[in-house]
Amino acid sequence: MFSDVPPGKPSLRAAYEQWLKLQNPVERTEPGNHPKIPPKELNVGIVGGGMSGLYAALILQSHGAKVSIFEKNTRQRLGGRVYTHRFTQEPNQYFEAGAMRLPETSEQQPVFDLIDYLNEKLPGESCIKTIPYVLYDDKGNLVLINNKMQQDGKSTHIREVIWPYLDALKKDFAKGFQEIIKFDDFSFRAYLVQVAEWDEDRINYVEVMTSQTNQFQNSFTELVIENMDFSQASWKTIENGMERLPHGCAQLIGSENIFTGAEVYKIEDVSDGVNIYHSESSAPVKFDKVLMALPPAALRTIETPTWSPDKMHAIRALHFEPLYKIGLRFKTRFWEKVSPPSKGGQSITDLPSRWFVYPSYGIGDNGPGVLLLYAWMTDAIAFLPKNEKERICLGLRDLKKVYGDQVDIDDQFIEGYSINWTDEESTGDAMFFPGQFRNLFNIARAPEGNVYFAGEHLSVHHTWILGALDSALLACQQMLGEPNIMPLRPTTKQNPPKHDYDYSDCIKAKPMAVYRDQRT
C-alpha cells in the first residue's frame, strides 16, 4: 500500500493490510522474497489495458523495461472501468459510464500525483485538469421512497454505527482497530442485527438510502472503510471526462506498445518465460514475465497453467457487484431549473434507477445536458436482461415519477446510452464478503512463477482508481524484486517520508467467530 499518510499518523487501510499479511501469509506475495532482476533486461507482457495495466506499464518503462499491453476491447478503448461516453464532441455532452469522482485525501494522493506526472511529460494540449465534484447538493437533491418525497435522515442512522469506531480510532488507534477487527467475520447486516440490534425495517430503510439492495451482506470491515471514504468533504473530477487519465497514460506508453482488439485466450509457462496466445497473432508471443491485470471473471476465461488450488479458489470466489449505468441526454439541464434545483450531487430513489447523478461540470450552461442514472448490486439486475431501448424507457419512466409534474420528460429527451459492466468487462465493483479479505487476499495477490496479478480487487482500496494503481505498484515491486519502488510522481515533487507508523499492537487483533450477547 502506498498511501501518502502523514508521518506518524495511522491509517485504517494500512493497519488492515498489515493485519491481513499475518492472517494467511503467503511468502511469495512479499516483494522482498523475489530475486532482483535488472529492469533493462526485462520484457513484460501485460494482459489488460485498464488502469492497473496502464500504471504498471508506466512504472516498468520508467525503470527501463520493455512492455506490451494486450487489450481485448475492439473499440480502441483503454482504461477499463474508467470510461467517458460522449454523445457529441460539443462541450459537456458526456457522462461517466465508469469511475466519476476522486476523493481529495492524503490516501488518494497517488492518483493526483499520476495526473501531475503525466502533465509534466505530455504536451500542453494533453494537460489533465481537475475540477470540483459536487457529491451532494442539500438544497436541491431529492429522496423518493414509496412514491413519496422523504427527508434525508439516513446519514444520521449510519453515523450511529460508523462514527463510534471513527471516534475510537482517534482516541486510541490500536484499541479502535481491534474493535473493528472483532467483527471482521460479520456481514454489515449481521452486525446491525446482532450488535446494533436494529430491526429489519430500519436496516432495509438505511440500506436503500445509503447504498443498494443486499449490499449490507458484504463485509462489515469493507463497509466501515467505504463509509469513511464518503465522509470526506472535498471531491474532484477530471475536466472534460475521466477518460483523459487513461488516454494520457496510453499516450506516454506509446501506441507501438499497445495492442487493442487483441484477446488473450491462453498463457503458457515455458522454460525461461511465458507465452501469450492472442487473437491477432497466429503464433505465441514470448515474454520474460506476464502481468494479468484483469478482474477474476475475465481471468477465468483464459487458459492458464495449473496454479495452486488456493489461487484457483480465490479467482473463482472473490466477489464483484454487478454495476449498471445509463446516460440520458436532454434539450436543457431542466434539473437546474425546477424547484428545488439540483446543481450537482445526486438524488436517491427506491425505483429501478436508484440514483440520479447531476453533472458537476457545465453547471448553468444553456442548451443540452446529460443526466446519469445508475444502480449496482441486486438493483442492477433489473436492467441486465433488457435491451438498450427498454433500459432507456425504464430510466425515463423513473425520471417522470420524480419530475413529471414540472417537466415534460419525453419532450426534453434527445438520446441515451447504457452500459452493463457485467457484460462489458466481466466486472463491476470489487466488494468482499465476510472473511474474503483474510482468507483470499494474500493468495490472490501472490505470483505464480513468472505470472503476476493486478486489479483493484487486489488492493484494500476497493472501487477506487487508487486500488488499481496500488495493486499495479505491488506487482511491479514483486516482478523486479524491489520493495522500495515508489509510485509515479512529477520530478518537482519529493517522495514523502516512508509511512512507518507502528502497527504492532494492531496486528494482534482477533475477530470474533460468533457474536454472543455479553449481557446474558
Protein backbone atom coordinates (compact mmCIF):
# COMPACT_ATOMS: atom_id res chain seq x y z
CA MET A 1 0.00 0.00 0.00
CA PHE A 2 1.40 3.41 -0.92
CA SER A 3 -0.97 5.83 0.77
CA ASP A 4 0.56 9.26 1.40
CA VAL A 5 -0.39 9.21 5.06
CA PRO A 6 1.46 11.93 7.00
CA PRO A 7 4.43 10.64 9.05
CA GLY A 8 3.39 9.43 12.49
CA LYS A 9 -0.29 9.32 11.51
CA PRO A 10 -2.07 5.96 11.42
CA SER A 11 -4.23 4.73 8.53
CA LEU A 12 -7.07 2.24 8.90
CA ARG A 13 -6.31 0.77 5.47
CA ALA A 14 -2.58 0.47 6.17
CA ALA A 15 -3.29 -1.20 9.50
CA TYR A 16 -5.76 -3.57 7.86
CA GLU A 17 -3.27 -4.54 5.17
CA GLN A 18 -0.57 -5.20 7.78
CA TRP A 19 -3.03 -7.30 9.75
CA LEU A 20 -4.09 -9.25 6.66
CA LYS A 21 -0.49 -10.19 5.83
CA LEU A 22 -0.31 -12.19 9.05
CA GLN A 23 -3.68 -13.91 8.82
CA ASN A 24 -2.98 -16.15 5.85
CA PRO A 25 0.66 -15.43 4.97
CA VAL A 26 1.98 -16.27 1.51
CA GLU A 27 5.72 -15.64 1.27
CA ARG A 28 5.81 -15.06 -2.46
CA THR A 29 3.39 -12.15 -2.10
CA GLU A 30 6.13 -10.04 -0.50
CA PRO A 31 8.41 -8.17 -2.99
CA GLY A 32 11.50 -8.80 -0.86
CA ASN A 33 11.18 -12.55 -1.41
CA HIS A 34 11.78 -12.26 -5.17
CA PRO A 35 15.19 -12.14 -6.89
CA LYS A 36 16.18 -8.72 -8.19
CA ILE A 37 16.18 -8.52 -11.98
CA PRO A 38 17.82 -5.72 -13.99
CA PRO A 39 14.77 -3.92 -15.40
CA LYS A 40 16.53 -3.04 -18.66
CA GLU A 41 16.79 -6.76 -19.44
CA LEU A 42 13.09 -7.38 -18.85
CA ASN A 43 10.38 -7.87 -21.48
CA VAL A 44 6.91 -7.89 -19.90
CA GLY A 45 3.55 -8.78 -21.43
CA ILE A 46 0.55 -7.10 -19.78
CA VAL A 47 -2.89 -8.63 -20.28
CA GLY A 48 -5.50 -5.92 -19.76
CA GLY A 49 -5.48 -2.22 -20.63
CA GLY A 50 -7.33 -0.94 -17.58
CA MET A 51 -5.79 1.42 -15.05
CA SER A 52 -3.76 -1.29 -13.31
CA GLY A 53 -2.25 -2.47 -16.60
CA LEU A 54 -1.52 1.07 -17.77
CA TYR A 55 0.03 2.13 -14.47
CA ALA A 56 2.19 -1.00 -14.30
CA ALA A 57 3.41 -0.29 -17.84
CA LEU A 58 4.40 3.26 -16.89
CA ILE A 59 6.27 2.10 -13.79
CA LEU A 60 8.11 -0.64 -15.68
CA GLN A 61 9.01 1.73 -18.52
CA SER A 62 10.29 4.30 -16.03
CA HIS A 63 12.73 1.62 -14.82
CA GLY A 64 13.82 0.69 -18.35
CA ALA A 65 11.74 -2.42 -19.01
CA LYS A 66 10.08 -3.20 -22.35
CA VAL A 67 6.29 -3.63 -22.17
CA SER A 68 3.48 -4.79 -24.45
CA ILE A 69 -0.18 -4.35 -23.45
CA PHE A 70 -2.88 -6.63 -24.87
CA GLU A 71 -6.44 -5.29 -24.59
CA LYS A 72 -9.40 -7.26 -25.96
CA ASN A 73 -11.69 -4.22 -26.39
CA THR A 74 -12.32 -3.85 -30.11
CA ARG A 75 -13.36 -0.18 -29.90
CA GLN A 76 -9.80 1.04 -29.35
CA ARG A 77 -10.80 1.88 -25.78
CA LEU A 78 -8.41 1.68 -22.85
CA GLY A 79 -8.94 2.41 -19.17
CA GLY A 80 -11.15 -0.48 -18.09
CA ARG A 81 -13.87 0.92 -15.86
CA VAL A 82 -12.68 4.47 -16.47
CA TYR A 83 -14.95 5.22 -19.42
CA THR A 84 -16.40 8.53 -20.59
CA HIS A 85 -19.22 8.16 -23.12
CA ARG A 86 -19.61 11.18 -25.42
CA PHE A 87 -22.89 11.77 -27.22
CA THR A 88 -21.31 14.55 -29.28
CA GLN A 89 -17.97 16.38 -29.28
CA GLU A 90 -19.64 19.56 -28.03
CA PRO A 91 -18.67 20.69 -24.52
CA ASN A 92 -20.19 18.75 -21.61
CA GLN A 93 -22.21 16.34 -23.76
CA TYR A 94 -20.92 13.25 -21.99
CA PHE A 95 -21.36 11.15 -18.88
CA GLU A 96 -19.07 8.98 -16.82
CA ALA A 97 -20.07 5.40 -17.60
CA GLY A 98 -17.47 4.22 -15.09
CA ALA A 99 -15.37 5.98 -12.44
CA MET A 100 -16.63 9.50 -11.91
CA ARG A 101 -15.01 11.10 -8.84
CA LEU A 102 -11.81 11.34 -6.82
CA PRO A 103 -11.79 11.87 -3.04
CA GLU A 104 -9.29 14.59 -2.20
CA THR A 105 -7.49 12.86 0.69
CA SER A 106 -3.91 12.01 1.60
CA GLU A 107 -4.54 8.33 0.85
CA GLN A 108 -5.74 9.18 -2.66
CA GLN A 109 -2.76 11.45 -3.40
CA PRO A 110 -1.06 8.90 -5.74
CA VAL A 111 -3.90 9.42 -8.25
CA PHE A 112 -3.32 13.17 -8.26
CA ASP A 113 0.43 12.56 -8.46
CA LEU A 114 -0.14 10.42 -11.55
CA ILE A 115 -2.02 13.32 -13.14
CA ASP A 116 0.89 15.66 -12.35
CA TYR A 117 3.38 13.08 -13.65
CA LEU A 118 1.53 12.88 -16.97
CA ASN A 119 1.18 16.66 -17.22
CA GLU A 120 4.93 17.04 -16.75
CA LYS A 121 5.73 14.68 -19.62
CA LEU A 122 2.92 15.24 -22.15
CA PRO A 123 2.40 18.22 -24.47
CA GLY A 124 0.29 21.11 -23.23
CA GLU A 125 -2.83 20.18 -25.21
CA SER A 126 -2.93 16.87 -23.33
CA CYS A 127 -2.84 18.55 -19.92
CA ILE A 128 -5.26 16.99 -17.44
CA LYS A 129 -7.09 19.38 -15.12
CA THR A 130 -9.27 18.55 -12.14
CA ILE A 131 -12.40 20.46 -11.20
CA PRO A 132 -14.63 20.32 -8.10
CA TYR A 133 -17.08 17.43 -7.90
CA VAL A 134 -20.33 18.05 -6.03
CA LEU A 135 -21.13 14.89 -4.08
CA TYR A 136 -24.36 16.22 -2.61
CA ASP A 137 -26.44 19.37 -3.01
CA ASP A 138 -28.50 19.52 0.17
CA LYS A 139 -30.70 22.28 -1.23
CA GLY A 140 -31.83 20.51 -4.37
CA ASN A 141 -31.18 16.77 -4.23
CA LEU A 142 -34.28 14.67 -3.63
CA VAL A 143 -35.27 11.47 -1.84
CA LEU A 144 -38.18 9.45 -3.28
CA ILE A 145 -39.24 6.32 -1.34
CA ASN A 146 -42.56 4.51 -1.85
CA ASN A 147 -43.61 7.25 -4.29
CA LYS A 148 -43.30 9.89 -1.57
CA MET A 149 -40.69 12.57 -1.08
CA GLN A 150 -38.78 11.91 2.14
CA GLN A 151 -36.46 13.77 4.44
CA ASP A 152 -32.89 12.54 4.07
CA GLY A 153 -32.35 11.07 7.53
CA LYS A 154 -30.24 8.12 6.51
CA SER A 155 -26.92 9.78 7.36
CA THR A 156 -28.00 10.11 10.99
CA HIS A 157 -28.74 6.38 11.18
CA ILE A 158 -25.48 5.26 9.61
CA ARG A 159 -23.46 7.60 11.80
CA GLU A 160 -24.78 5.80 14.86
CA VAL A 161 -22.95 2.69 13.65
CA ILE A 162 -19.82 4.05 11.95
CA TRP A 163 -18.86 7.14 13.94
CA PRO A 164 -18.22 5.44 17.31
CA TYR A 165 -15.49 3.42 15.57
CA LEU A 166 -14.01 6.52 13.96
CA ASP A 167 -14.00 8.24 17.35
CA ALA A 168 -12.35 5.17 18.91
CA LEU A 169 -9.60 5.27 16.27
CA LYS A 170 -8.92 8.91 17.09
CA LYS A 171 -8.71 8.28 20.84
CA ASP A 172 -6.59 5.12 20.75
CA PHE A 173 -5.91 3.82 17.25
CA ALA A 174 -4.83 0.31 18.25
CA LYS A 175 -7.83 -0.26 20.52
CA GLY A 176 -10.20 1.21 17.94
CA PHE A 177 -8.72 -1.03 15.25
CA GLN A 178 -9.11 -4.08 17.47
CA GLU A 179 -12.78 -3.20 17.98
CA ILE A 180 -13.34 -3.08 14.20
CA ILE A 181 -11.46 -6.34 13.56
CA LYS A 182 -13.56 -8.05 16.22
CA PHE A 183 -16.36 -8.08 13.63
CA ASP A 184 -14.29 -8.89 10.53
CA ASP A 185 -16.16 -12.19 10.09
CA PHE A 186 -19.51 -10.40 10.18
CA SER A 187 -21.51 -9.05 7.30
CA PHE A 188 -22.64 -5.49 7.87
CA ARG A 189 -26.22 -6.75 8.13
CA ALA A 190 -25.27 -9.36 10.75
CA TYR A 191 -23.59 -6.62 12.76
CA LEU A 192 -26.68 -4.41 12.59
CA VAL A 193 -28.90 -7.29 13.75
CA GLN A 194 -26.72 -8.89 16.41
CA VAL A 195 -24.67 -6.00 17.76
CA ALA A 196 -26.51 -2.75 16.98
CA GLU A 197 -29.85 -4.55 17.48
CA TRP A 198 -31.59 -2.83 14.61
CA ASP A 199 -34.90 -4.21 13.44
CA GLU A 200 -35.39 -5.35 9.85
CA ASP A 201 -37.36 -2.29 8.75
CA ARG A 202 -34.65 0.08 9.90
CA ILE A 203 -31.91 -1.96 8.22
CA ASN A 204 -33.79 -2.07 4.92
CA TYR A 205 -34.53 1.66 5.00
CA VAL A 206 -30.94 2.68 5.69
CA GLU A 207 -29.65 0.21 3.09
CA VAL A 208 -31.88 1.62 0.36
CA MET A 209 -30.99 5.18 1.35
CA THR A 210 -27.22 4.75 1.57
CA SER A 211 -26.28 2.00 -0.86
CA GLN A 212 -28.03 -0.77 -2.79
CA THR A 213 -30.31 -3.68 -2.04
CA ASN A 214 -28.39 -6.51 -0.33
CA GLN A 215 -25.12 -4.58 -0.17
CA PHE A 216 -25.15 -4.95 3.61
CA GLN A 217 -24.38 -8.64 3.02
CA ASN A 218 -20.81 -7.51 2.33
CA SER A 219 -18.07 -7.48 4.94
CA PHE A 220 -18.51 -5.26 7.99
CA THR A 221 -14.92 -4.03 7.64
CA GLU A 222 -15.43 -3.29 3.93
CA LEU A 223 -18.49 -1.14 4.66
CA VAL A 224 -16.80 0.73 7.52
CA ILE A 225 -13.89 1.63 5.24
CA GLU A 226 -16.22 2.63 2.40
CA ASN A 227 -18.25 4.92 4.64
CA MET A 228 -15.03 6.56 5.82
CA ASP A 229 -14.28 7.42 2.18
CA PHE A 230 -17.63 9.14 1.77
CA SER A 231 -17.21 11.19 4.92
CA GLN A 232 -14.66 13.32 3.04
CA ALA A 233 -15.68 16.92 2.41
CA SER A 234 -13.67 17.59 -0.76
CA TRP A 235 -14.02 15.84 -4.12
CA LYS A 236 -12.64 16.27 -7.63
CA THR A 237 -13.34 15.03 -11.13
CA ILE A 238 -11.41 15.48 -14.37
CA GLU A 239 -12.38 18.34 -16.64
CA ASN A 240 -13.79 17.10 -19.96
CA GLY A 241 -14.00 13.50 -18.83
CA MET A 242 -12.28 10.94 -16.63
CA GLU A 243 -11.13 9.06 -19.75
CA ARG A 244 -8.43 11.69 -20.16
CA LEU A 245 -6.49 9.90 -17.43
CA PRO A 246 -6.10 6.55 -19.27
CA HIS A 247 -5.67 8.44 -22.55
CA GLY A 248 -2.74 10.31 -21.03
CA CYS A 249 -1.22 7.07 -19.74
CA ALA A 250 -1.56 5.43 -23.17
CA GLN A 251 -0.04 8.44 -24.92
CA LEU A 252 3.03 8.23 -22.71
CA ILE A 253 3.33 4.43 -23.00
CA GLY A 254 3.22 4.72 -26.80
CA SER A 255 0.81 3.21 -29.31
CA GLU A 256 3.53 0.88 -30.57
CA ASN A 257 3.39 -0.88 -27.19
CA ILE A 258 -0.40 -1.27 -27.03
CA PHE A 259 -2.43 -3.84 -28.98
CA THR A 260 -6.20 -3.32 -28.91
CA GLY A 261 -8.64 -5.89 -30.21
CA ALA A 262 -6.08 -8.50 -29.14
CA GLU A 263 -7.96 -11.00 -27.00
CA VAL A 264 -5.62 -13.21 -24.98
CA TYR A 265 -7.03 -16.72 -24.80
CA LYS A 266 -4.08 -18.66 -23.41
CA ILE A 267 -0.87 -18.20 -21.44
CA GLU A 268 1.72 -20.94 -21.20
CA ASP A 269 4.76 -21.45 -19.00
CA VAL A 270 7.97 -22.12 -20.90
CA SER A 271 11.45 -22.81 -19.56
CA ASP A 272 12.59 -19.20 -19.39
CA GLY A 273 9.40 -17.17 -19.60
CA VAL A 274 5.72 -17.15 -20.53
CA ASN A 275 4.00 -17.45 -23.91
CA ILE A 276 0.94 -15.33 -24.66
CA TYR A 277 -1.54 -16.50 -27.28
CA HIS A 278 -3.86 -13.80 -28.61
CA SER A 279 -6.41 -13.34 -31.37
CA GLU A 280 -4.27 -11.04 -33.54
CA SER A 281 -1.34 -13.43 -33.93
CA SER A 282 -1.13 -16.97 -35.31
CA ALA A 283 1.92 -17.69 -33.16
CA PRO A 284 2.56 -17.21 -29.43
CA VAL A 285 4.49 -14.19 -28.21
CA LYS A 286 7.16 -14.90 -25.61
CA PHE A 287 7.87 -12.69 -22.58
CA ASP A 288 10.13 -12.93 -19.56
CA LYS A 289 7.20 -12.16 -17.29
CA VAL A 290 3.47 -11.59 -17.69
CA LEU A 291 1.10 -9.41 -15.68
CA MET A 292 -2.57 -10.44 -15.62
CA ALA A 293 -4.25 -7.07 -15.00
CA LEU A 294 -7.78 -8.45 -15.15
CA PRO A 295 -10.82 -8.94 -12.93
CA PRO A 296 -11.25 -12.56 -11.79
CA ALA A 297 -14.18 -13.37 -14.09
CA ALA A 298 -12.18 -12.32 -17.15
CA LEU A 299 -9.13 -14.23 -15.93
CA ARG A 300 -11.17 -17.42 -15.60
CA THR A 301 -11.95 -17.47 -19.32
CA ILE A 302 -8.25 -17.63 -20.25
CA GLU A 303 -6.49 -20.99 -20.46
CA THR A 304 -3.72 -20.86 -17.87
CA PRO A 305 -1.13 -23.19 -16.38
CA THR A 306 -2.25 -25.26 -13.39
CA TRP A 307 -1.91 -22.99 -10.39
CA SER A 308 -2.31 -23.81 -6.71
CA PRO A 309 -5.81 -24.86 -5.58
CA ASP A 310 -5.92 -21.85 -3.22
CA LYS A 311 -5.18 -19.48 -6.10
CA MET A 312 -7.86 -21.02 -8.31
CA HIS A 313 -10.39 -20.83 -5.47
CA ALA A 314 -9.58 -17.14 -4.93
CA ILE A 315 -10.08 -16.43 -8.63
CA ARG A 316 -13.46 -18.16 -8.54
CA ALA A 317 -14.68 -16.75 -5.25
CA LEU A 318 -13.70 -13.07 -4.96
CA HIS A 319 -16.90 -11.05 -5.02
CA PHE A 320 -17.74 -8.35 -7.56
CA GLU A 321 -21.01 -6.44 -7.52
CA PRO A 322 -22.99 -6.05 -10.75
CA LEU A 323 -22.90 -2.43 -11.93
CA TYR A 324 -25.18 -0.64 -14.40
CA LYS A 325 -25.18 2.95 -15.67
CA ILE A 326 -27.23 4.89 -18.20
CA GLY A 327 -26.72 8.41 -19.55
CA LEU A 328 -29.76 10.34 -20.80
CA ARG A 329 -29.29 13.48 -22.88
CA PHE A 330 -31.91 16.23 -22.78
CA LYS A 331 -32.58 19.51 -24.60
CA THR A 332 -32.00 21.51 -21.42
CA ARG A 333 -30.48 20.99 -17.99
CA PHE A 334 -34.01 21.03 -16.58
CA TRP A 335 -32.87 19.71 -13.17
CA GLU A 336 -31.18 23.08 -12.60
CA LYS A 337 -34.38 24.99 -13.38
CA VAL A 338 -37.03 23.07 -11.41
CA SER A 339 -37.92 23.76 -7.80
CA PRO A 340 -35.77 22.93 -5.94
CA PRO A 341 -32.88 22.96 -8.45
CA SER A 342 -30.04 20.43 -8.26
CA LYS A 343 -26.62 21.81 -9.13
CA GLY A 344 -24.54 18.69 -8.91
CA GLY A 345 -24.96 15.95 -6.35
CA GLN A 346 -27.37 13.05 -6.54
CA SER A 347 -30.95 12.13 -5.72
CA ILE A 348 -31.93 8.82 -4.13
CA THR A 349 -34.93 6.66 -5.02
CA ASP A 350 -36.17 3.12 -4.48
CA LEU A 351 -37.06 2.93 -8.19
CA PRO A 352 -35.11 0.64 -10.56
CA SER A 353 -32.95 3.69 -11.41
CA ARG A 354 -31.74 4.01 -7.84
CA TRP A 355 -29.53 7.08 -8.10
CA PHE A 356 -29.84 10.18 -10.30
CA VAL A 357 -26.43 11.89 -10.61
CA TYR A 358 -26.40 15.53 -11.72
CA PRO A 359 -23.25 16.62 -13.58
CA SER A 360 -20.75 18.74 -11.67
CA TYR A 361 -19.48 20.12 -14.99
CA GLY A 362 -21.26 22.71 -17.11
CA ILE A 363 -23.47 23.92 -14.27
CA GLY A 364 -25.53 26.85 -15.53
CA ASP A 365 -25.00 26.06 -19.22
CA ASN A 366 -27.76 26.82 -21.67
CA GLY A 367 -28.58 24.08 -24.16
CA PRO A 368 -28.46 20.29 -23.81
CA GLY A 369 -27.23 18.39 -20.77
CA VAL A 370 -26.74 14.79 -19.66
CA LEU A 371 -28.09 13.02 -16.58
CA LEU A 372 -26.57 9.82 -15.19
CA LEU A 373 -28.76 7.11 -13.65
CA TYR A 374 -27.20 4.09 -12.03
CA ALA A 375 -27.58 1.08 -9.79
CA TRP A 376 -25.39 -1.72 -8.54
CA MET A 377 -25.59 -4.96 -6.57
CA THR A 378 -29.07 -6.57 -6.72
CA ASP A 379 -30.67 -3.36 -8.01
CA ALA A 380 -28.61 -3.54 -11.22
CA ILE A 381 -30.16 -6.89 -12.12
CA ALA A 382 -33.45 -5.23 -13.14
CA PHE A 383 -31.66 -3.69 -16.13
CA LEU A 384 -29.39 -6.54 -17.17
CA PRO A 385 -31.78 -8.64 -19.32
CA LYS A 386 -33.26 -5.61 -21.09
CA ASN A 387 -32.15 -4.24 -24.45
CA GLU A 388 -30.99 -0.65 -24.94
CA LYS A 389 -34.41 0.73 -25.85
CA GLU A 390 -36.07 -0.95 -22.87
CA ARG A 391 -33.41 0.36 -20.49
CA ILE A 392 -33.86 3.91 -21.77
CA CYS A 393 -37.64 3.67 -21.43
CA LEU A 394 -37.28 2.43 -17.86
CA GLY A 395 -34.93 5.28 -16.99
CA LEU A 396 -37.30 7.85 -18.49
CA ARG A 397 -40.22 6.32 -16.61
CA ASP A 398 -38.37 6.72 -13.33
CA LEU A 399 -37.49 10.34 -14.10
CA LYS A 400 -41.16 11.09 -14.78
CA LYS A 401 -42.06 9.86 -11.29
CA VAL A 402 -39.70 12.43 -9.80
CA TYR A 403 -40.02 15.37 -12.24
CA GLY A 404 -43.17 14.64 -14.25
CA ASP A 405 -45.23 17.34 -12.54
CA GLN A 406 -42.71 20.03 -13.58
CA VAL A 407 -41.08 18.77 -16.79
CA ASP A 408 -42.25 17.05 -19.98
CA ILE A 409 -39.54 14.37 -19.90
CA ASP A 410 -40.46 12.85 -23.27
CA ASP A 411 -40.31 16.23 -25.00
CA GLN A 412 -36.96 17.02 -23.37
CA PHE A 413 -35.34 13.67 -24.22
CA ILE A 414 -32.82 13.50 -27.10
CA GLU A 415 -30.90 10.21 -26.75
CA GLY A 416 -29.48 7.70 -24.29
CA TYR A 417 -26.72 5.16 -23.83
CA SER A 418 -26.38 2.40 -21.24
CA ILE A 419 -23.62 0.10 -20.06
CA ASN A 420 -23.80 -3.11 -18.05
CA TRP A 421 -20.35 -3.72 -16.66
CA THR A 422 -21.05 -7.39 -16.03
CA ASP A 423 -21.32 -7.86 -19.79
CA GLU A 424 -18.82 -5.22 -20.85
CA GLU A 425 -15.73 -6.26 -18.92
CA SER A 426 -16.80 -9.25 -16.81
CA THR A 427 -16.62 -6.90 -13.86
CA GLY A 428 -18.31 -4.40 -11.60
CA ASP A 429 -17.14 -3.16 -8.20
CA ALA A 430 -14.96 -5.36 -6.01
CA MET A 431 -16.67 -5.64 -2.61
CA PHE A 432 -15.74 -8.63 -0.49
CA PHE A 433 -17.96 -10.89 1.58
CA PRO A 434 -17.06 -11.55 5.24
CA GLY A 435 -13.76 -13.40 5.60
CA GLN A 436 -12.69 -12.99 1.96
CA PHE A 437 -10.04 -10.41 2.74
CA ARG A 438 -8.49 -12.57 5.44
CA ASN A 439 -8.71 -15.90 3.62
CA LEU A 440 -8.22 -14.98 -0.05
CA PHE A 441 -6.48 -11.62 -0.33
CA ASN A 442 -2.84 -12.72 0.08
CA ILE A 443 -3.06 -15.78 -2.15
CA ALA A 444 -4.92 -13.78 -4.81
CA ARG A 445 -2.01 -11.27 -4.93
CA ALA A 446 0.72 -13.92 -4.97
CA PRO A 447 2.60 -14.53 -8.25
CA GLU A 448 2.57 -17.94 -9.91
CA GLY A 449 6.04 -18.48 -11.33
CA ASN A 450 6.59 -15.73 -13.90
CA VAL A 451 2.92 -14.70 -13.89
CA TYR A 452 1.83 -11.75 -11.74
CA PHE A 453 -1.57 -10.26 -10.93
CA ALA A 454 -3.10 -6.79 -10.57
CA GLY A 455 -6.52 -5.11 -10.35
CA GLU A 456 -8.43 -3.03 -7.82
CA HIS A 457 -9.73 -6.23 -6.18
CA LEU A 458 -6.11 -6.94 -5.13
CA SER A 459 -5.90 -3.78 -3.03
CA VAL A 460 -7.52 -2.58 0.18
CA HIS A 461 -8.79 0.40 -1.87
CA HIS A 462 -11.80 -1.31 -3.41
CA THR A 463 -13.94 0.51 -6.03
CA TRP A 464 -11.43 3.36 -6.50
CA ILE A 465 -8.90 4.06 -9.26
CA LEU A 466 -6.38 4.15 -6.44
CA GLY A 467 -6.97 0.42 -5.89
CA ALA A 468 -5.88 -0.35 -9.45
CA LEU A 469 -2.73 1.77 -9.04
CA ASP A 470 -1.94 0.25 -5.65
CA SER A 471 -2.14 -3.32 -6.96
CA ALA A 472 -0.04 -2.43 -10.02
CA LEU A 473 2.71 -0.99 -7.84
CA LEU A 474 2.85 -4.16 -5.74
CA ALA A 475 3.00 -6.32 -8.88
CA CYS A 476 5.93 -4.25 -10.20
CA GLN A 477 7.71 -4.49 -6.86
CA GLN A 478 7.25 -8.27 -6.93
CA MET A 479 8.35 -8.54 -10.55
CA LEU A 480 11.55 -6.56 -10.00
CA GLY A 481 12.21 -7.94 -6.52
CA GLU A 482 12.39 -4.40 -5.20
CA PRO A 483 10.02 -3.44 -2.35
CA ASN A 484 11.13 0.21 -2.38
CA ILE A 485 9.83 1.12 -5.84
CA MET A 486 7.79 4.29 -5.36
CA PRO A 487 4.59 5.44 -7.05
CA LEU A 488 4.94 7.79 -10.01
CA ARG A 489 5.38 11.44 -9.13
CA PRO A 490 6.49 14.52 -11.05
CA THR A 491 10.16 15.44 -10.66
CA THR A 492 9.12 18.65 -8.91
CA LYS A 493 7.65 16.66 -6.01
CA GLN A 494 9.78 14.84 -3.49
CA ASN A 495 8.86 11.38 -2.31
CA PRO A 496 7.09 11.61 1.06
CA PRO A 497 8.68 10.11 4.16
CA LYS A 498 8.06 6.38 4.38
CA HIS A 499 4.87 5.51 6.21
CA ASP A 500 6.42 3.98 9.32
CA TYR A 501 3.63 4.02 11.88
CA ASP A 502 4.00 1.17 14.38
CA TYR A 503 1.05 -1.19 13.90
CA SER A 504 2.43 -3.92 16.19
CA ASP A 505 -0.48 -3.57 18.61
CA CYS A 506 -3.00 -3.58 15.76
CA ILE A 507 -1.83 -6.83 14.19
CA LYS A 508 -2.63 -8.70 17.41
CA ALA A 509 -6.35 -8.10 16.84
CA LYS A 510 -8.58 -11.17 16.62
CA PRO A 511 -12.02 -11.46 15.03
CA MET A 512 -14.96 -12.99 16.83
CA ALA A 513 -16.22 -16.13 15.11
CA VAL A 514 -19.68 -15.85 16.67
CA TYR A 515 -21.17 -12.93 18.49
CA ARG A 516 -22.55 -13.66 21.95
CA ASP A 517 -24.59 -11.16 23.89
CA GLN A 518 -22.34 -10.39 26.85
CA ARG A 519 -25.30 -9.27 28.95
CA THR A 520 -26.62 -12.81 29.40
